[in-house]
Amino acid sequence: QILNTEKSQDYKLLSSSEVGSLISALGCGFNHESDDYVKNEDEWIPITGSMDAIAKLHQKDYQIIVATNQSGLARGYFDEIALAAIHQKLNSMAEEAGGLVSAIFYCPHLPDANCQCRKPKTGLLKQAENELGIRLANSYLIGDSLKDLQAAVAFQMKPVLVRTGKGRDTESSLKGRLKIETPVFDNLEAVSYTHLRAHETPEHRVCRGG
């Protein structure tokens, strides 16, 4: 699978408890913060520390997966060739740092398309389970938007909010159960050093699926 380039904040990372996986939005930690759509590989710039964070998580046997809303395709801001180049850049930089992005799943549709894959719907998460042969219940989903957290809860995953991208605005808008139960970190690097290490238990480190 490949990842996409909606607004730079919108790449999320998911984590499977069985696989020691993580799902994320690129904005949650990968892509340099901007309110503009990322249209080509030159505009895709990782947030400082994010590639090292991927490496540390990978070395702890977490399977890194990306699930992202990317309406820029439907809007005509970029094409599949540009998208593939961005994904290749992400994968290459992660590998150079000693990490690995196992798969990238994206929704190319407009918000009003009423598709099943655009978060907060859970189609991308179901696709990840089906294609990778894993279960994502009780896994971490790290993101910067309310849609990410809602998708995590709907899919029985553990939401984690980062303040990069849209994260600070999301944090200030949290209410009820999400506000109480969602841990918040400055960036993906902080998650890798603090949250996952502190919460790592045997059930989060089972063998990779496929």
C-alpha atoms as a PDB file:
ATOM      1  CA  GLN A   1       0.000   0.000   0.000  1.00  0.00           C
ATOM      2  CA  ILE A   2       1.064   3.561  -0.455  1.00  0.00           C
ATOM      3  CA  LEU A   3       0.437   6.702   1.404  1.00  0.00           C
ATOM      4  CA  ASN A   4      -0.961   9.963   0.263  1.00  0.00           C
ATOM      5  CA  THR A   5      -0.660  13.697   0.614  1.00  0.00           C
ATOM      6  CA  GLU A   6      -3.736  15.538   1.724  1.00  0.00           C
ATOM      7  CA  LYS A   7      -2.881  18.402   4.037  1.00  0.00           C
ATOM      8  CA  SER A   8       0.509  17.746   5.506  1.00  0.00           C
ATOM      9  CA  GLN A   9      -0.964  16.928   8.887  1.00  0.00           C
ATOM     10  CA  ASP A  10      -3.232  14.114   7.787  1.00  0.00           C
ATOM     11  CA  TYR A  11      -1.105  10.986   7.942  1.00  0.00           C
ATOM     12  CA  LYS A  12      -1.924   8.707  10.898  1.00  0.00           C
ATOM     13  CA  LEU A  13      -0.154   5.769  12.450  1.00  0.00           C
ATOM     14  CA  LEU A  14      -1.841   2.631  13.745  1.00  0.00           C
ATOM     15  CA  SER A  15      -0.733  -0.040  16.115  1.00  0.00           C
ATOM     16  CA  SER A  16      -1.903  -3.594  16.431  1.00  0.00           C
ATOM     17  CA  SER A  17      -1.744  -5.215  19.833  1.00  0.00           C
ATOM     18  CA  GLU A  18      -1.121  -8.571  18.216  1.00  0.00           C
ATOM     19  CA  VAL A  19       1.590  -7.367  15.944  1.00  0.00           C
ATOM     20  CA  GLY A  20       3.035  -4.700  18.134  1.00  0.00           C
ATOM     21  CA  SER A  21       1.824  -2.345  15.430  1.00  0.00           C
ATOM     22  CA  LEU A  22       0.971   1.315  15.232  1.00  0.00           C
ATOM     23  CA  ILE A  23      -1.253   3.329  12.940  1.00  0.00           C
ATOM     24  CA  SER A  24      -0.626   6.982  12.353  1.00  0.00           C
ATOM     25  CA  ALA A  25      -1.499  10.020  10.341  1.00  0.00           C
ATOM     26  CA  LEU A  26       1.478  11.590   8.710  1.00  0.00           C
ATOM     27  CA  GLY A  27       0.692  14.820  10.428  1.00  0.00           C
ATOM     28  CA  CYS A  28       0.808  13.036  13.707  1.00  0.00           C
ATOM     29  CA  GLY A  29       4.499  12.983  13.456  1.00  0.00           C
ATOM     30  CA  PHE A  30       5.878  12.455  10.008  1.00  0.00           C
ATOM     31  CA  ASN A  31       5.320  15.512   7.920  1.00  0.00           C
ATOM     32  CA  HIS A  32       6.519  19.061   8.540  1.00  0.00           C
ATOM     33  CA  GLU A  33       3.621  21.159   9.779  1.00  0.00           C
ATOM     34  CA  SER A  34       1.774  23.221   7.193  1.00  0.00           C
ATOM     35  CA  ASP A  35      -1.788  24.195   6.364  1.00  0.00           C
ATOM     36  CA  ASP A  36      -1.178  23.546   2.676  1.00  0.00           C
ATOM     37  CA  TYR A  37      -1.684  20.343   0.739  1.00  0.00           C
ATOM     38  CA  VAL A  38       1.529  18.465   0.045  1.00  0.00           C
ATOM     39  CA  LYS A  39       1.596  17.976  -3.723  1.00  0.00           C
ATOM     40  CA  ASN A  40       4.999  16.434  -4.419  1.00  0.00           C
ATOM     41  CA  GLU A  41       7.950  14.771  -2.747  1.00  0.00           C
ATOM     42  CA  ASP A  42       9.890  18.041  -2.401  1.00  0.00           C
ATOM     43  CA  GLU A  43       7.092  19.477  -0.258  1.00  0.00           C
ATOM     44  CA  TRP A  44       7.055  16.424   1.977  1.00  0.00           C
ATOM     45  CA  ILE A  45       9.421  17.193   4.879  1.00  0.00           C
ATOM     46  CA  PRO A  46       9.375  14.984   7.991  1.00  0.00           C
ATOM     47  CA  ILE A  47       9.039  16.567  11.402  1.00  0.00           C
ATOM     48  CA  THR A  48      12.310  16.498  13.302  1.00  0.00           C
ATOM     49  CA  GLY A  49      12.685  13.250  15.225  1.00  0.00           C
ATOM     50  CA  SER A  50       9.865  11.414  13.474  1.00  0.00           C
ATOM     51  CA  MET A  51      12.070   9.044  11.470  1.00  0.00           C
ATOM     52  CA  ASP A  52      14.085   8.179  14.574  1.00  0.00           C
ATOM     53  CA  ALA A  53      10.800   7.533  16.374  1.00  0.00           C
ATOM     54  CA  ILE A  54       9.749   5.087  13.661  1.00  0.00           C
ATOM     55  CA  ALA A  55      13.108   3.353  13.978  1.00  0.00           C
ATOM     56  CA  LYS A  56      12.813   2.998  17.753  1.00  0.00           C
ATOM     57  CA  LEU A  57       9.280   1.638  17.501  1.00  0.00           C
ATOM     58  CA  HIS A  58      10.290  -0.798  14.758  1.00  0.00           C
ATOM     59  CA  GLN A  59      13.229  -1.989  16.850  1.00  0.00           C
ATOM     60  CA  LYS A  60      10.792  -2.675  19.702  1.00  0.00           C
ATOM     61  CA  ASP A  61       8.877  -4.972  17.330  1.00  0.00           C
ATOM     62  CA  TYR A  62       6.078  -2.525  16.591  1.00  0.00           C
ATOM     63  CA  GLN A  63       4.684  -2.776  13.087  1.00  0.00           C
ATOM     64  CA  ILE A  64       4.225   0.716  11.685  1.00  0.00           C
ATOM     65  CA  ILE A  65       1.205   1.243   9.446  1.00  0.00           C
ATOM     66  CA  VAL A  66      -0.114   4.494   8.014  1.00  0.00           C
ATOM     67  CA  ALA A  67      -3.819   5.249   7.499  1.00  0.00           C
ATOM     68  CA  THR A  68      -4.659   8.640   6.058  1.00  0.00           C
ATOM     69  CA  ASN A  69      -7.451  10.744   4.553  1.00  0.00           C
ATOM     70  CA  GLN A  70      -6.140  12.156   1.274  1.00  0.00           C
ATOM     71  CA  SER A  71      -8.769  14.083  -0.657  1.00  0.00           C
ATOM     72  CA  GLY A  72      -6.088  15.881  -2.661  1.00  0.00           C
ATOM     73  CA  LEU A  73      -6.363  13.169  -5.303  1.00  0.00           C
ATOM     74  CA  ALA A  74     -10.075  13.783  -5.807  1.00  0.00           C
ATOM     75  CA  ARG A  75      -9.478  17.535  -5.781  1.00  0.00           C
ATOM     76  CA  GLY A  76      -6.880  17.187  -8.548  1.00  0.00           C
ATOM     77  CA  TYR A  77      -4.026  18.658  -6.502  1.00  0.00           C
ATOM     78  CA  PHE A  78      -1.728  15.742  -7.341  1.00  0.00           C
ATOM     79  CA  ASP A  79      -1.847  12.409  -9.134  1.00  0.00           C
ATOM     80  CA  GLU A  80      -0.934   8.815  -8.347  1.00  0.00           C
ATOM     81  CA  ILE A  81       2.606   9.264  -9.679  1.00  0.00           C
ATOM     82  CA  ALA A  82       3.290  12.164  -7.306  1.00  0.00           C
ATOM     83  CA  LEU A  83       1.710  10.185  -4.504  1.00  0.00           C
ATOM     84  CA  ALA A  84       3.927   7.166  -5.134  1.00  0.00           C
ATOM     85  CA  ALA A  85       7.024   9.386  -5.061  1.00  0.00           C
ATOM     86  CA  ILE A  86       6.020  10.813  -1.691  1.00  0.00           C
ATOM     87  CA  HIS A  87       5.444   7.349  -0.288  1.00  0.00           C
ATOM     88  CA  GLN A  88       8.783   6.178  -1.590  1.00  0.00           C
ATOM     89  CA  LYS A  89      10.494   9.127   0.090  1.00  0.00           C
ATOM     90  CA  LEU A  90       8.812   8.306   3.396  1.00  0.00           C
ATOM     91  CA  ASN A  91       9.727   4.633   3.164  1.00  0.00           C
ATOM     92  CA  SER A  92      13.329   5.375   2.181  1.00  0.00           C
ATOM     93  CA  MET A  93      13.877   7.880   4.973  1.00  0.00           C
ATOM     94  CA  ALA A  94      12.361   5.514   7.532  1.00  0.00           C
ATOM     95  CA  GLU A  95      14.631   2.689   6.386  1.00  0.00           C
ATOM     96  CA  GLU A  96      17.689   4.946   6.411  1.00  0.00           C
ATOM     97  CA  ALA A  97      16.937   5.713  10.050  1.00  0.00           C
ATOM     98  CA  GLY A  98      16.679   2.008  10.856  1.00  0.00           C
ATOM     99  CA  GLY A  99      12.886   1.761  10.780  1.00  0.00           C
ATOM    100  CA  LEU A 100      10.215   0.314   8.536  1.00  0.00           C
ATOM    101  CA  VAL A 101       6.748   1.413   7.440  1.00  0.00           C
ATOM    102  CA  SER A 102       4.970  -1.872   6.792  1.00  0.00           C
ATOM    103  CA  ALA A 103       1.996  -0.522   4.862  1.00  0.00           C
ATOM    104  CA  ILE A 104       0.185   2.680   3.944  1.00  0.00           C
ATOM    105  CA  PHE A 105      -3.575   2.834   3.415  1.00  0.00           C
ATOM    106  CA  TYR A 106      -5.325   5.957   2.203  1.00  0.00           C
ATOM    107  CA  CYS A 107      -8.729   7.317   1.348  1.00  0.00           C
ATOM    108  CA  PRO A 108      -8.698   9.395  -1.881  1.00  0.00           C
ATOM    109  CA  HIS A 109     -12.298  10.600  -1.619  1.00  0.00           C
ATOM    110  CA  LEU A 110     -13.814  13.994  -0.933  1.00  0.00           C
ATOM    111  CA  PRO A 111     -15.368  14.552   2.506  1.00  0.00           C
ATOM    112  CA  ASP A 112     -18.892  14.533   1.025  1.00  0.00           C
ATOM    113  CA  ALA A 113     -18.396  11.289  -0.936  1.00  0.00           C
ATOM    114  CA  ASN A 114     -19.976   9.236   1.860  1.00  0.00           C
ATOM    115  CA  CYS A 115     -17.358   6.514   1.444  1.00  0.00           C
ATOM    116  CA  GLN A 116     -16.537   3.951   4.106  1.00  0.00           C
ATOM    117  CA  CYS A 117     -12.799   4.600   4.201  1.00  0.00           C
ATOM    118  CA  ARG A 118     -12.552   8.270   5.166  1.00  0.00           C
ATOM    119  CA  LYS A 119     -11.916   8.641   8.884  1.00  0.00           C
ATOM    120  CA  PRO A 120     -13.652   8.741  11.312  1.00  0.00           C
ATOM    121  CA  LYS A 121     -15.146   5.735   9.496  1.00  0.00           C
ATOM    122  CA  THR A 122     -13.085   2.615   9.905  1.00  0.00           C
ATOM    123  CA  GLY A 123     -12.709   1.246   6.383  1.00  0.00           C
ATOM    124  CA  LEU A 124      -8.949   1.838   6.268  1.00  0.00           C
ATOM    125  CA  LEU A 125      -8.509  -0.006   9.540  1.00  0.00           C
ATOM    126  CA  LYS A 126     -10.571  -2.944   8.277  1.00  0.00           C
ATOM    127  CA  GLN A 127      -8.490  -2.960   5.108  1.00  0.00           C
ATOM    128  CA  ALA A 128      -5.303  -3.099   7.169  1.00  0.00           C
ATOM    129  CA  GLU A 129      -6.594  -6.049   9.157  1.00  0.00           C
ATOM    130  CA  ASN A 130      -7.702  -7.939   6.062  1.00  0.00           C
ATOM    131  CA  GLU A 131      -4.592  -7.348   3.970  1.00  0.00           C
ATOM    132  CA  LEU A 132      -2.040  -7.840   6.734  1.00  0.00           C
ATOM    133  CA  GLY A 133      -3.802 -10.640   8.585  1.00  0.00           C
ATOM    134  CA  ILE A 134      -3.764  -8.829  11.929  1.00  0.00           C
ATOM    135  CA  ARG A 135      -6.227  -7.642  14.585  1.00  0.00           C
ATOM    136  CA  LEU A 136      -6.113  -4.027  15.679  1.00  0.00           C
ATOM    137  CA  ALA A 137      -8.325  -4.119  18.767  1.00  0.00           C
ATOM    138  CA  ASN A 138      -6.458  -2.701  21.788  1.00  0.00           C
ATOM    139  CA  SER A 139      -3.755  -1.319  19.497  1.00  0.00           C
ATOM    140  CA  TYR A 140      -2.547   2.269  19.449  1.00  0.00           C
ATOM    141  CA  LEU A 141      -3.746   4.758  16.868  1.00  0.00           C
ATOM    142  CA  ILE A 142      -1.724   7.955  16.987  1.00  0.00           C
ATOM    143  CA  GLY A 143      -3.138  11.047  15.337  1.00  0.00           C
ATOM    144  CA  ASP A 144      -3.584  14.797  15.473  1.00  0.00           C
ATOM    145  CA  SER A 145      -7.271  15.181  14.619  1.00  0.00           C
ATOM    146  CA  LEU A 146     -10.580  14.394  16.265  1.00  0.00           C
ATOM    147  CA  LYS A 147     -11.395  12.085  13.337  1.00  0.00           C
ATOM    148  CA  ASP A 148      -8.372   9.950  14.220  1.00  0.00           C
ATOM    149  CA  LEU A 149      -9.402   9.590  17.845  1.00  0.00           C
ATOM    150  CA  GLN A 150     -13.000   8.815  16.894  1.00  0.00           C
ATOM    151  CA  ALA A 151     -11.856   6.137  14.442  1.00  0.00           C
ATOM    152  CA  ALA A 152      -9.670   4.592  17.122  1.00  0.00           C
ATOM    153  CA  VAL A 153     -12.517   4.353  19.628  1.00  0.00           C
ATOM    154  CA  ALA A 154     -14.939   3.027  16.996  1.00  0.00           C
ATOM    155  CA  PHE A 155     -12.459   0.267  16.128  1.00  0.00           C
ATOM    156  CA  GLN A 156     -11.666  -0.583  19.765  1.00  0.00           C
ATOM    157  CA  MET A 157      -8.167   0.830  19.454  1.00  0.00           C
ATOM    158  CA  LYS A 158      -6.306   3.032  21.922  1.00  0.00           C
ATOM    159  CA  PRO A 159      -6.263   6.691  20.808  1.00  0.00           C
ATOM    160  CA  VAL A 160      -3.114   8.776  21.297  1.00  0.00           C
ATOM    161  CA  LEU A 161      -3.033  12.485  20.419  1.00  0.00           C
ATOM    162  CA  VAL A 162       0.052  14.404  19.342  1.00  0.00           C
ATOM    163  CA  ARG A 163       0.256  18.199  19.329  1.00  0.00           C
ATOM    164  CA  THR A 164       1.864  18.428  15.890  1.00  0.00           C
ATOM    165  CA  GLY A 165      -0.311  19.356  12.918  1.00  0.00           C
ATOM    166  CA  LYS A 166      -3.858  19.970  14.098  1.00  0.00           C
ATOM    167  CA  GLY A 167      -3.123  18.440  17.480  1.00  0.00           C
ATOM    168  CA  ARG A 168      -3.163  21.546  19.667  1.00  0.00           C
ATOM    169  CA  ASP A 169      -6.532  22.618  18.318  1.00  0.00           C
ATOM    170  CA  THR A 170      -7.813  19.077  18.764  1.00  0.00           C
ATOM    171  CA  GLU A 171      -6.561  18.965  22.336  1.00  0.00           C
ATOM    172  CA  SER A 172      -8.433  22.138  23.256  1.00  0.00           C
ATOM    173  CA  SER A 173     -11.657  20.766  21.773  1.00  0.00           C
ATOM    174  CA  LEU A 174     -11.653  17.370  23.511  1.00  0.00           C
ATOM    175  CA  LYS A 175     -14.631  16.605  25.733  1.00  0.00           C
ATOM    176  CA  GLY A 176     -16.003  13.775  27.805  1.00  0.00           C
ATOM    177  CA  ARG A 177     -14.492  10.334  27.542  1.00  0.00           C
ATOM    178  CA  LEU A 178     -11.975  11.281  24.869  1.00  0.00           C
ATOM    179  CA  LYS A 179     -10.585  14.096  27.015  1.00  0.00           C
ATOM    180  CA  ILE A 180     -10.238  11.817  30.014  1.00  0.00           C
ATOM    181  CA  GLU A 181      -8.878   8.721  28.294  1.00  0.00           C
ATOM    182  CA  THR A 182      -6.657  10.080  25.504  1.00  0.00           C
ATOM    183  CA  PRO A 183      -2.982  10.565  26.396  1.00  0.00           C
ATOM    184  CA  VAL A 184      -1.436  13.642  24.747  1.00  0.00           C
ATOM    185  CA  PHE A 185       2.191  14.095  23.682  1.00  0.00           C
ATOM    186  CA  ASP A 186       4.124  16.851  21.953  1.00  0.00           C
ATOM    187  CA  ASN A 187       5.121  14.719  18.967  1.00  0.00           C
ATOM    188  CA  LEU A 188       5.719  11.188  17.725  1.00  0.00           C
ATOM    189  CA  GLU A 189       9.199  11.149  19.179  1.00  0.00           C
ATOM    190  CA  ALA A 190       7.763  11.782  22.648  1.00  0.00           C
ATOM    191  CA  VAL A 191       5.329   8.919  22.128  1.00  0.00           C
ATOM    192  CA  SER A 192       8.118   6.538  21.193  1.00  0.00           C
ATOM    193  CA  TYR A 193      10.220   7.468  24.206  1.00  0.00           C
ATOM    194  CA  THR A 194       7.495   7.738  26.799  1.00  0.00           C
ATOM    195  CA  HIS A 195       4.066   6.315  26.140  1.00  0.00           C
ATOM    196  CA  LEU A 196       4.776   3.099  24.287  1.00  0.00           C
ATOM    197  CA  ARG A 197       7.736   2.156  26.440  1.00  0.00           C
ATOM    198  CA  ALA A 198       5.750   2.767  29.625  1.00  0.00           C
ATOM    199  CA  HIS A 199       2.712   0.869  28.360  1.00  0.00           C
ATOM    200  CA  GLU A 200       4.493  -1.979  26.642  1.00  0.00           C
ATOM    201  CA  THR A 201       3.146  -5.329  27.857  1.00  0.00           C
ATOM    202  CA  PRO A 202       3.438  -8.898  26.533  1.00  0.00           C
ATOM    203  CA  GLU A 203       0.123  -8.695  24.680  1.00  0.00           C
ATOM    204  CA  HIS A 204       1.481  -5.743  22.695  1.00  0.00           C
ATOM    205  CA  ARG A 205       4.504  -7.703  21.502  1.00  0.00           C
ATOM    206  CA  VAL A 206       3.099 -10.749  19.764  1.00  0.00           C
ATOM    207  CA  CYS A 207       4.565 -12.072  16.506  1.00  0.00           C
ATOM    208  CA  ARG A 208       4.076 -10.222  13.236  1.00  0.00           C
ATOM    209  CA  GLY A 209       1.193 -11.312  11.088  1.00  0.00           C
ATOM    210  CA  GLY A 210       2.179 -11.882   7.541  1.00  0.00           C
END
